Amino acid sequence: MVDIHEQKEYKLKEEKNDIIVTNNLNNKLVKEIDDLLGGVLKDNTTEPFTTIHTLGKIKAKRIHIINFDELKKEEKLIEVYKKIAALKGDNCILIDTFETDDYLEIVQELSENILTKNYEINKFKSISEEKEKNFYYYGKTNVYKNVLKGYIYGKSINKCRDLVNTPYNYLNATDLANYTKELEKHDNVTVEIINKKAIEDMNMGAFLGVNKGSIDEPKLIYIKYQGKTEFKDPTALVGKGVMYDTGGYSLKTPVSMPGMKVDMAGSAAVISAIEAIAKLKLKENVIGVVAATDNRIGDGAIVPDDILTSASGKTIEIISTDAEGRLTLADAVWFAQQKGAKKVIDVATLTGSMVMALGEEFTGAFTNDEEFLKEFGNAAKKTNESIWQMPVSKGYHDKLKSKVADMKNTGGRPAGASTAAAFIEKFIEEDTKWIHLDIAGTASNKEGATGVMVKTFTELFDD
């Protein structure tokens, strides 16, 4: 575990922890350290990141020097992040010696990366390898707000990763609902957990259909963040919350089933982003909606050829029970619009087709409103979370035509990501601006969950 804490008072001659500074000799504290050490900061400026031993000249055993002039070179900046992430042993003091507006974004990224690059999940090991390591931040100059924002980003990304990396036997729909309820500790956040009876009363047959094979109850999670004086015109973030996906009776193969705990990454991104939004006290109204359930085989589970009736009244012919995420999202986006959202972004690990198309580098983005997607794309550029616009047109809608119901739940393998997006779009009202994000390829990699979209969702509301 690693964390960043603010340290209000710093006494150079008494501090035993490692020190991280820039070699900015215009800074009074840096100049004092340099004088005590005989000019070593001045002399160690060729590398982006250098560690020196103080040899007893001050209490701290080591000083880690960030080359001030190298920080604007992106490749050098990445090297600095990796070096700081690799620091082991003693705790570190990060001294604010970035005294220029030119470095605001760098300081923010540094604060974030200290957390995300040190991320590990060891809590399920019998002998924990998790070591407590802390970074202490000293100084409240003009860059502190960026240190704080980076810290909040880092913490929220890691919380998202924790959720996605947690196996189903430790995190079912009820567990996720209980976790989300804790967000009410933040100002302006309310969380409503809607149980199965209430879900049935809303006639959410698509969502309930996915849950029919489970022994665990579904939960509809509704988060409300009020950042404005009056709660109106909220933007909705809707996350796919399939806690584990076996494929149902359209059973996944033994090769493709391991790792399906990641199928709730959309919900984790939404929940973690709203926590970040609340911590930053952003001046927007945002709602989060998660239809949480697992998709398993059981005596009552749906089978291909079944017909489900969604909350909107539209009927759905089931072709594949493994096309289940879109069923939960159909009722979830309907619910978000009932709560007044005229802008809806849904995020889901939805299709293998998206992985084949874009791999792990880009999130696929679909929309019915180019200006809305442009606004979202600008936020994504700031956070370096790459998106790529994909088509969703009438032709893809036509592939979902059914002879026995209003639509089928899949249009077949060709263009699977686009037909999946078209399915969700059928539940978007004409006057609602909508973006669908398929994070099937970007939600995880060989290291585990990535926390993708937490930053971009937050940045979208940070004017």
Protein backbone atom coordinates (compact mmCIF):
# COMPACT_ATOMS: atom_id res chain seq x y z
CA MET A 1 0.00 0.00 0.00
CA VAL A 2 1.26 3.45 -0.82
CA ASP A 3 -0.24 6.81 0.02
CA ILE A 4 0.52 10.52 -0.07
CA HIS A 5 0.06 12.69 3.00
CA GLU A 6 0.39 16.41 3.51
CA GLN A 7 3.11 17.40 5.97
CA LYS A 8 2.59 20.92 7.21
CA GLU A 9 5.99 21.43 8.83
CA TYR A 10 9.37 20.42 7.47
CA LYS A 11 12.65 20.61 9.40
CA LEU A 12 15.56 19.75 7.16
CA LYS A 13 18.07 19.02 9.90
CA GLU A 14 15.70 16.67 11.76
CA GLU A 15 13.97 14.74 8.95
CA LYS A 16 15.17 11.12 8.58
CA ASN A 17 13.03 10.09 5.60
CA ASP A 18 14.35 10.15 2.05
CA ILE A 19 13.87 13.48 0.30
CA ILE A 20 12.71 14.05 -3.28
CA VAL A 21 13.50 17.50 -4.70
CA THR A 22 14.15 19.16 -8.02
CA ASN A 23 17.52 20.75 -8.65
CA ASN A 24 15.85 24.16 -8.82
CA LEU A 25 18.52 26.21 -7.03
CA ASN A 26 16.27 29.28 -7.10
CA ASN A 27 14.27 27.56 -4.39
CA LYS A 28 15.40 28.57 -0.89
CA LEU A 29 15.12 25.08 0.56
CA VAL A 30 16.94 23.44 -2.36
CA LYS A 31 19.75 26.01 -1.99
CA GLU A 32 20.00 25.22 1.71
CA ILE A 33 20.24 21.47 1.02
CA ASP A 34 22.85 22.09 -1.68
CA ASP A 35 24.95 24.20 0.66
CA LEU A 36 24.85 21.57 3.39
CA LEU A 37 25.89 18.84 0.94
CA GLY A 38 28.66 20.83 -0.71
CA GLY A 39 27.01 21.62 -4.04
CA VAL A 40 25.98 18.10 -5.09
CA LEU A 41 22.58 19.18 -6.42
CA LYS A 42 24.30 21.66 -8.69
CA ASP A 43 26.72 19.00 -9.92
CA ASN A 44 24.17 16.20 -10.47
CA THR A 45 22.09 17.63 -13.30
CA THR A 46 22.84 15.42 -16.31
CA GLU A 47 20.34 12.63 -15.60
CA PRO A 48 16.54 13.05 -15.30
CA PHE A 49 16.58 11.36 -11.88
CA THR A 50 19.58 10.84 -9.59
CA THR A 51 19.88 9.32 -6.12
CA ILE A 52 22.74 10.39 -3.86
CA HIS A 53 23.72 9.38 -0.32
CA THR A 54 24.10 12.22 2.15
CA LEU A 55 26.93 10.53 4.15
CA GLY A 56 25.64 11.85 7.44
CA LYS A 57 25.71 15.52 6.47
CA ILE A 58 21.97 15.70 7.12
CA LYS A 59 19.58 13.27 8.86
CA ALA A 60 18.03 11.98 5.64
CA LYS A 61 20.12 9.11 4.25
CA ARG A 62 19.25 9.68 0.58
CA ILE A 63 18.19 12.53 -1.64
CA HIS A 64 16.47 11.83 -4.95
CA ILE A 65 17.03 14.67 -7.40
CA ILE A 66 14.61 15.37 -10.26
CA ASN A 67 16.30 17.27 -13.07
CA PHE A 68 14.25 20.45 -13.42
CA ASP A 69 15.30 21.09 -17.01
CA GLU A 70 14.58 17.56 -18.24
CA LEU A 71 10.99 17.44 -17.06
CA LYS A 72 9.45 18.90 -20.19
CA LYS A 73 10.79 16.06 -22.32
CA GLU A 74 8.07 13.43 -22.33
CA GLU A 75 10.38 10.42 -22.52
CA LYS A 76 12.45 11.77 -19.61
CA LEU A 77 9.29 12.46 -17.61
CA ILE A 78 8.18 8.84 -17.99
CA GLU A 79 11.61 7.75 -16.78
CA VAL A 80 11.25 9.93 -13.68
CA TYR A 81 7.86 8.39 -12.86
CA LYS A 82 9.29 4.89 -13.17
CA LYS A 83 12.26 5.74 -10.96
CA ILE A 84 10.05 7.15 -8.23
CA ALA A 85 7.72 4.17 -8.46
CA ALA A 86 10.69 1.85 -8.00
CA LEU A 87 11.87 3.46 -4.76
CA LYS A 88 11.92 0.90 -1.99
CA GLY A 89 12.71 1.07 1.68
CA ASP A 90 12.20 4.23 3.65
CA ASN A 91 9.30 6.60 3.25
CA CYS A 92 9.90 9.70 1.15
CA ILE A 93 9.31 13.41 1.53
CA LEU A 94 8.31 15.13 -1.71
CA ILE A 95 9.32 18.75 -1.28
CA ASP A 96 7.52 21.35 -3.34
CA THR A 97 10.29 22.88 -5.41
CA PHE A 98 8.23 23.31 -8.59
CA GLU A 99 7.78 27.05 -8.38
CA THR A 100 6.50 27.82 -11.84
CA ASP A 101 3.18 27.43 -13.62
CA ASP A 102 5.00 25.60 -16.43
CA TYR A 103 5.09 22.51 -14.25
CA LEU A 104 1.50 22.29 -13.01
CA GLU A 105 0.57 19.34 -15.23
CA ILE A 106 3.87 17.61 -14.46
CA VAL A 107 3.30 17.89 -10.71
CA GLN A 108 -0.22 16.54 -11.13
CA GLU A 109 1.03 13.55 -13.11
CA LEU A 110 3.83 12.99 -10.60
CA SER A 111 1.36 12.90 -7.72
CA GLU A 112 -0.91 10.50 -9.63
CA ASN A 113 1.89 8.23 -10.77
CA ILE A 114 3.38 7.82 -7.31
CA LEU A 115 0.13 6.01 -6.50
CA THR A 116 -0.67 4.19 -9.72
CA LYS A 117 2.87 2.98 -10.47
CA ASN A 118 3.13 1.53 -6.96
CA TYR A 119 -0.19 -0.31 -7.22
CA GLU A 120 -0.31 -3.93 -6.07
CA ILE A 121 -3.08 -6.22 -4.91
CA ASN A 122 -1.85 -8.78 -2.41
CA LYS A 123 -4.77 -9.02 0.02
CA PHE A 124 -5.75 -12.51 -1.13
CA LYS A 125 -2.29 -14.01 -0.55
CA SER A 126 -1.77 -16.07 2.61
CA ILE A 127 1.55 -14.34 3.19
CA SER A 128 1.04 -10.76 2.21
CA GLU A 129 3.81 -9.13 0.21
CA GLU A 130 2.15 -5.77 0.54
CA LYS A 131 4.44 -3.24 2.18
CA GLU A 132 3.39 0.04 3.67
CA LYS A 133 5.13 2.89 1.91
CA ASN A 134 4.22 6.53 2.20
CA PHE A 135 5.12 9.73 0.44
CA TYR A 136 4.77 12.97 2.36
CA TYR A 137 4.16 16.19 0.50
CA TYR A 138 5.53 19.39 1.99
CA GLY A 139 4.64 22.86 0.76
CA LYS A 140 1.54 24.83 -0.17
CA THR A 141 2.48 26.95 -3.15
CA ASN A 142 0.47 27.47 -6.33
CA VAL A 143 1.01 23.84 -7.38
CA TYR A 144 -0.69 22.27 -4.36
CA LYS A 145 -4.08 22.06 -6.07
CA ASN A 146 -2.41 20.03 -8.80
CA VAL A 147 -0.77 17.75 -6.25
CA LEU A 148 -4.21 17.23 -4.75
CA LYS A 149 -5.90 16.59 -8.10
CA GLY A 150 -3.24 14.08 -9.10
CA TYR A 151 -3.59 12.39 -5.73
CA ILE A 152 -7.36 12.10 -6.12
CA TYR A 153 -6.94 10.71 -9.63
CA GLY A 154 -4.39 8.18 -8.44
CA LYS A 155 -6.50 7.03 -5.49
CA SER A 156 -9.65 6.75 -7.60
CA ILE A 157 -7.90 4.79 -10.35
CA ASN A 158 -6.48 2.39 -7.77
CA LYS A 159 -9.87 1.95 -6.11
CA CYS A 160 -11.33 1.12 -9.51
CA ARG A 161 -8.57 -1.41 -10.07
CA ASP A 162 -9.21 -2.95 -6.66
CA LEU A 163 -12.87 -3.48 -7.54
CA VAL A 164 -12.14 -5.02 -10.93
CA ASN A 165 -9.35 -7.23 -9.61
CA THR A 166 -11.52 -8.63 -6.80
CA PRO A 167 -12.95 -12.07 -7.61
CA TYR A 168 -16.66 -12.76 -7.69
CA ASN A 169 -16.72 -14.80 -4.48
CA TYR A 170 -15.59 -11.64 -2.67
CA LEU A 171 -17.58 -9.11 -4.71
CA ASN A 172 -21.11 -9.85 -5.87
CA ALA A 173 -23.89 -7.37 -6.66
CA THR A 174 -24.74 -6.84 -2.99
CA ASP A 175 -21.10 -6.29 -2.08
CA LEU A 176 -20.76 -3.68 -4.84
CA ALA A 177 -23.93 -1.96 -3.64
CA ASN A 178 -22.62 -1.84 -0.06
CA TYR A 179 -19.30 -0.45 -1.29
CA THR A 180 -21.07 2.25 -3.29
CA LYS A 181 -23.25 3.23 -0.33
CA GLU A 182 -20.06 4.40 1.42
CA LEU A 183 -19.80 7.23 -1.12
CA GLU A 184 -22.40 9.06 0.94
CA LYS A 185 -19.59 10.07 3.30
CA HIS A 186 -18.71 12.70 0.68
CA ASP A 187 -20.63 15.99 0.47
CA ASN A 188 -23.48 16.21 -2.06
CA VAL A 189 -23.61 12.45 -2.73
CA THR A 190 -26.64 10.24 -2.15
CA VAL A 191 -26.83 6.56 -3.04
CA GLU A 192 -30.02 4.55 -3.46
CA ILE A 193 -29.82 0.77 -3.59
CA ILE A 194 -32.88 -0.64 -5.36
CA ASN A 195 -33.71 -4.26 -4.51
CA LYS A 196 -35.15 -7.03 -6.65
CA LYS A 197 -38.77 -6.37 -5.70
CA ALA A 198 -38.49 -2.72 -6.74
CA ILE A 199 -36.69 -3.73 -9.94
CA GLU A 200 -39.58 -6.06 -10.72
CA ASP A 201 -42.05 -3.25 -10.01
CA MET A 202 -40.29 -1.18 -12.71
CA ASN A 203 -40.72 -4.09 -15.17
CA MET A 204 -36.98 -4.34 -15.88
CA GLY A 205 -37.34 -7.66 -17.67
CA ALA A 206 -34.08 -7.35 -19.62
CA PHE A 207 -31.99 -6.80 -16.47
CA LEU A 208 -33.89 -9.43 -14.51
CA GLY A 209 -33.53 -11.91 -17.37
CA VAL A 210 -29.75 -11.90 -16.95
CA ASN A 211 -30.15 -12.52 -13.22
CA LYS A 212 -32.53 -15.47 -13.53
CA GLY A 213 -29.77 -18.09 -13.34
CA SER A 214 -28.16 -16.59 -10.25
CA ILE A 215 -28.53 -17.43 -6.57
CA ASP A 216 -27.54 -13.83 -5.76
CA GLU A 217 -30.03 -10.97 -5.94
CA PRO A 218 -29.53 -8.17 -8.45
CA LYS A 219 -29.06 -4.60 -7.28
CA LEU A 220 -29.83 -1.42 -9.17
CA ILE A 221 -27.41 1.20 -7.86
CA TYR A 222 -28.37 4.84 -8.28
CA ILE A 223 -25.82 7.52 -7.36
CA LYS A 224 -26.69 11.19 -7.33
CA TYR A 225 -24.04 13.93 -7.11
CA GLN A 226 -25.35 17.48 -6.86
CA GLY A 227 -22.61 19.96 -7.65
CA LYS A 228 -24.96 22.85 -8.45
CA THR A 229 -27.43 24.71 -6.26
CA GLU A 230 -30.37 23.19 -8.13
CA PHE A 231 -30.44 19.57 -9.26
CA LYS A 232 -31.46 19.65 -12.91
CA ASP A 233 -30.04 18.56 -16.27
CA PRO A 234 -27.73 15.87 -14.86
CA THR A 235 -25.34 13.94 -17.06
CA ALA A 236 -25.63 10.19 -16.53
CA LEU A 237 -22.74 7.75 -16.33
CA VAL A 238 -24.08 4.22 -16.78
CA GLY A 239 -21.71 1.35 -16.06
CA LYS A 240 -22.07 -2.29 -17.00
CA GLY A 241 -22.16 -4.22 -13.73
CA VAL A 242 -21.98 -7.87 -14.71
CA MET A 243 -20.06 -9.12 -11.70
CA TYR A 244 -19.07 -12.36 -13.42
CA ASP A 245 -19.96 -13.60 -16.86
CA THR A 246 -20.02 -17.32 -17.62
CA GLY A 247 -21.96 -16.69 -20.81
CA GLY A 248 -25.03 -18.41 -19.36
CA TYR A 249 -26.29 -21.33 -21.45
CA SER A 250 -24.33 -19.87 -24.38
CA LEU A 251 -21.40 -20.96 -22.26
CA LYS A 252 -17.97 -19.45 -22.73
CA THR A 253 -15.05 -21.77 -23.46
CA PRO A 254 -12.57 -22.73 -20.70
CA VAL A 255 -10.03 -20.45 -22.39
CA SER A 256 -12.22 -17.35 -22.50
CA MET A 257 -13.95 -17.63 -19.11
CA PRO A 258 -11.01 -16.91 -16.74
CA GLY A 259 -10.77 -13.18 -16.19
CA MET A 260 -14.50 -12.54 -16.49
CA LYS A 261 -14.46 -10.80 -13.12
CA VAL A 262 -13.41 -7.83 -15.30
CA ASP A 263 -16.92 -7.66 -16.77
CA MET A 264 -17.95 -5.10 -14.16
CA ALA A 265 -15.13 -2.67 -15.06
CA GLY A 266 -17.65 -0.19 -16.46
CA SER A 267 -19.46 0.01 -13.13
CA ALA A 268 -16.16 0.33 -11.25
CA ALA A 269 -15.15 3.25 -13.49
CA VAL A 270 -18.46 5.04 -12.89
CA ILE A 271 -18.40 4.56 -9.11
CA SER A 272 -14.75 5.58 -8.80
CA ALA A 273 -15.18 8.60 -11.07
CA ILE A 274 -18.12 9.94 -9.08
CA GLU A 275 -16.07 9.60 -5.90
CA ALA A 276 -13.30 11.65 -7.56
CA ILE A 277 -15.85 14.23 -8.75
CA ALA A 278 -17.17 14.54 -5.19
CA LYS A 279 -13.69 14.86 -3.68
CA LEU A 280 -12.84 17.63 -6.14
CA LYS A 281 -16.21 19.30 -5.42
CA LEU A 282 -16.88 19.88 -9.12
CA LYS A 283 -19.74 22.20 -10.06
CA GLU A 284 -21.84 19.80 -12.13
CA ASN A 285 -24.81 17.50 -11.59
CA VAL A 286 -23.95 13.87 -12.29
CA ILE A 287 -25.82 10.62 -11.78
CA GLY A 288 -24.43 7.11 -11.88
CA VAL A 289 -26.47 4.01 -12.68
CA VAL A 290 -25.32 0.40 -12.35
CA ALA A 291 -27.50 -2.65 -12.96
CA ALA A 292 -25.46 -5.21 -11.01
CA THR A 293 -25.82 -8.96 -11.39
CA ASP A 294 -23.81 -12.00 -12.41
CA ASN A 295 -24.59 -14.08 -15.49
CA ARG A 296 -24.63 -17.76 -14.58
CA ILE A 297 -26.38 -21.01 -15.37
CA GLY A 298 -29.22 -22.12 -13.11
CA ASP A 299 -32.59 -23.85 -13.15
CA GLY A 300 -34.41 -20.63 -14.03
CA ALA A 301 -31.83 -19.12 -16.37
CA ILE A 302 -32.86 -17.74 -19.73
CA VAL A 303 -32.06 -19.72 -22.88
CA PRO A 304 -31.78 -18.74 -26.56
CA ASP A 305 -35.23 -18.16 -28.13
CA ASP A 306 -36.63 -16.64 -24.93
CA ILE A 307 -38.30 -13.25 -25.30
CA LEU A 308 -37.78 -10.60 -22.61
CA THR A 309 -39.71 -7.36 -22.11
CA SER A 310 -37.59 -4.38 -21.10
CA ALA A 311 -38.67 -1.52 -18.82
CA SER A 312 -39.22 0.62 -21.91
CA GLY A 313 -41.78 -1.93 -23.16
CA LYS A 314 -39.61 -3.08 -26.08
CA THR A 315 -39.37 -6.85 -26.49
CA ILE A 316 -36.10 -8.69 -27.08
CA GLU A 317 -35.52 -12.09 -28.66
CA ILE A 318 -32.57 -13.82 -27.02
CA ILE A 319 -30.16 -15.21 -29.60
CA SER A 320 -27.20 -15.55 -27.23
CA THR A 321 -27.25 -15.50 -23.44
CA ASP A 322 -23.63 -14.36 -23.66
CA ALA A 323 -24.82 -11.03 -25.09
CA GLU A 324 -26.03 -10.16 -21.61
CA GLY A 325 -24.35 -6.84 -20.82
CA ARG A 326 -26.45 -4.97 -23.33
CA LEU A 327 -29.59 -6.38 -21.69
CA THR A 328 -28.64 -4.88 -18.33
CA LEU A 329 -27.66 -1.59 -20.02
CA ALA A 330 -31.00 -1.40 -21.87
CA ASP A 331 -32.87 -1.04 -18.59
CA ALA A 332 -30.10 1.02 -16.96
CA VAL A 333 -30.03 3.74 -19.65
CA TRP A 334 -33.84 3.80 -19.59
CA PHE A 335 -33.70 4.40 -15.83
CA ALA A 336 -31.11 7.18 -16.22
CA GLN A 337 -33.37 9.01 -18.65
CA GLN A 338 -36.33 8.61 -16.29
CA LYS A 339 -34.19 10.45 -13.72
CA GLY A 340 -33.88 13.44 -16.04
CA ALA A 341 -30.61 12.78 -17.85
CA LYS A 342 -30.50 14.26 -21.35
CA LYS A 343 -26.84 13.33 -21.72
CA VAL A 344 -25.96 9.67 -21.20
CA ILE A 345 -22.58 7.95 -21.38
CA ASP A 346 -22.57 4.20 -20.96
CA VAL A 347 -19.33 2.30 -20.43
CA ALA A 348 -18.97 -1.45 -20.76
CA THR A 349 -16.65 -4.35 -21.44
CA LEU A 350 -19.15 -5.26 -24.10
CA THR A 351 -17.69 -7.15 -27.05
CA GLY A 352 -14.78 -9.32 -28.10
CA SER A 353 -15.16 -7.65 -31.48
CA MET A 354 -13.85 -4.42 -29.98
CA VAL A 355 -10.75 -6.18 -28.68
CA MET A 356 -10.09 -7.59 -32.15
CA ALA A 357 -10.63 -4.19 -33.77
CA LEU A 358 -8.67 -1.88 -31.45
CA GLY A 359 -6.72 -4.10 -29.04
CA GLU A 360 -5.62 -2.68 -25.69
CA GLU A 361 -4.70 0.82 -26.85
CA PHE A 362 -8.00 2.47 -27.81
CA THR A 363 -11.47 2.52 -26.31
CA GLY A 364 -14.18 2.34 -28.96
CA ALA A 365 -16.59 5.28 -28.90
CA PHE A 366 -20.05 5.43 -30.52
CA THR A 367 -22.42 8.38 -30.48
CA ASN A 368 -25.60 9.95 -31.80
CA ASP A 369 -24.22 13.47 -31.26
CA GLU A 370 -20.88 14.57 -32.69
CA GLU A 371 -20.59 17.70 -30.52
CA PHE A 372 -21.07 15.66 -27.34
CA LEU A 373 -18.40 13.21 -28.47
CA LYS A 374 -16.07 16.12 -29.31
CA GLU A 375 -16.51 17.47 -25.78
CA PHE A 376 -15.75 14.05 -24.35
CA GLY A 377 -12.81 13.60 -26.72
CA ASN A 378 -11.25 16.85 -25.49
CA ALA A 379 -11.37 15.50 -21.93
CA ALA A 380 -9.82 12.23 -23.10
CA LYS A 381 -6.94 14.10 -24.75
CA LYS A 382 -6.16 15.85 -21.46
CA THR A 383 -6.02 12.53 -19.63
CA ASN A 384 -4.21 10.60 -22.38
CA GLU A 385 -6.93 7.94 -22.46
CA SER A 386 -7.19 7.16 -26.17
CA ILE A 387 -10.60 6.77 -27.81
CA TRP A 388 -11.47 5.95 -31.41
CA GLN A 389 -14.84 6.72 -32.94
CA MET A 390 -16.63 3.69 -34.38
CA PRO A 391 -19.73 3.65 -36.62
CA VAL A 392 -23.28 3.00 -35.49
CA SER A 393 -25.77 3.46 -38.33
CA LYS A 394 -29.12 2.25 -39.65
CA GLY A 395 -27.50 -0.76 -41.27
CA TYR A 396 -26.34 -2.02 -37.89
CA HIS A 397 -29.80 -1.46 -36.46
CA ASP A 398 -31.27 -3.50 -39.30
CA LYS A 399 -29.14 -6.48 -38.32
CA LEU A 400 -31.07 -6.62 -35.05
CA LYS A 401 -34.48 -7.09 -36.65
CA SER A 402 -36.46 -10.01 -35.27
CA LYS A 403 -39.45 -11.86 -36.71
CA VAL A 404 -40.94 -12.57 -33.29
CA ALA A 405 -39.98 -9.53 -31.15
CA ASP A 406 -39.05 -5.88 -31.48
CA MET A 407 -35.38 -6.81 -31.79
CA LYS A 408 -32.78 -9.52 -31.32
CA ASN A 409 -30.06 -9.15 -28.70
CA THR A 410 -27.27 -9.78 -31.20
CA GLY A 411 -26.73 -9.25 -34.90
CA GLY A 412 -24.11 -11.95 -35.31
CA ARG A 413 -20.32 -11.90 -35.38
CA PRO A 414 -19.62 -9.38 -38.19
CA ALA A 415 -19.33 -5.80 -36.85
CA GLY A 416 -20.27 -7.12 -33.41
CA ALA A 417 -19.21 -3.96 -31.57
CA SER A 418 -21.34 -1.75 -33.82
CA THR A 419 -24.44 -3.94 -33.60
CA ALA A 420 -24.04 -4.05 -29.81
CA ALA A 421 -23.92 -0.24 -29.75
CA ALA A 422 -26.97 -0.14 -32.04
CA PHE A 423 -28.82 -2.35 -29.56
CA ILE A 424 -28.20 0.09 -26.71
CA GLU A 425 -29.11 3.05 -28.94
CA LYS A 426 -32.59 1.56 -29.38
CA PHE A 427 -33.22 2.49 -25.74
CA ILE A 428 -31.99 6.08 -26.11
CA GLU A 429 -34.73 8.67 -26.55
CA GLU A 430 -34.61 11.01 -29.55
CA ASP A 431 -33.74 14.11 -27.52
CA THR A 432 -30.98 12.40 -25.47
CA LYS A 433 -27.33 12.89 -26.36
CA TRP A 434 -25.56 9.56 -26.03
CA ILE A 435 -22.07 8.08 -26.05
CA HIS A 436 -21.30 4.38 -25.76
CA LEU A 437 -17.77 3.35 -24.70
CA ASP A 438 -16.64 -0.22 -25.30
CA ILE A 439 -13.70 -0.81 -22.95
CA ALA A 440 -13.39 -4.55 -23.57
CA GLY A 441 -9.80 -4.10 -24.71
CA THR A 442 -8.70 -1.27 -22.41
CA ALA A 443 -10.18 -2.30 -19.05
CA SER A 444 -7.38 -4.74 -18.28
CA ASN A 445 -4.01 -6.00 -19.48
CA LYS A 446 -1.54 -8.65 -18.40
CA GLU A 447 -0.91 -6.71 -15.18
CA GLY A 448 -4.62 -6.65 -14.26
CA ALA A 449 -7.21 -3.87 -14.20
CA THR A 450 -6.23 -0.47 -15.61
CA GLY A 451 -8.87 1.84 -14.13
CA VAL A 452 -9.60 3.16 -17.62
CA MET A 453 -12.04 6.10 -17.98
CA VAL A 454 -11.96 7.16 -14.32
CA LYS A 455 -9.84 10.20 -15.19
CA THR A 456 -11.68 11.13 -18.38
CA PHE A 457 -15.09 10.97 -16.72
CA THR A 458 -13.80 13.25 -13.96
CA GLU A 459 -12.05 15.62 -16.34
CA LEU A 460 -15.24 15.97 -18.40
CA PHE A 461 -16.88 17.81 -15.50
CA ASP A 462 -13.87 19.87 -14.43
CA ASP A 463 -14.31 23.25 -16.11
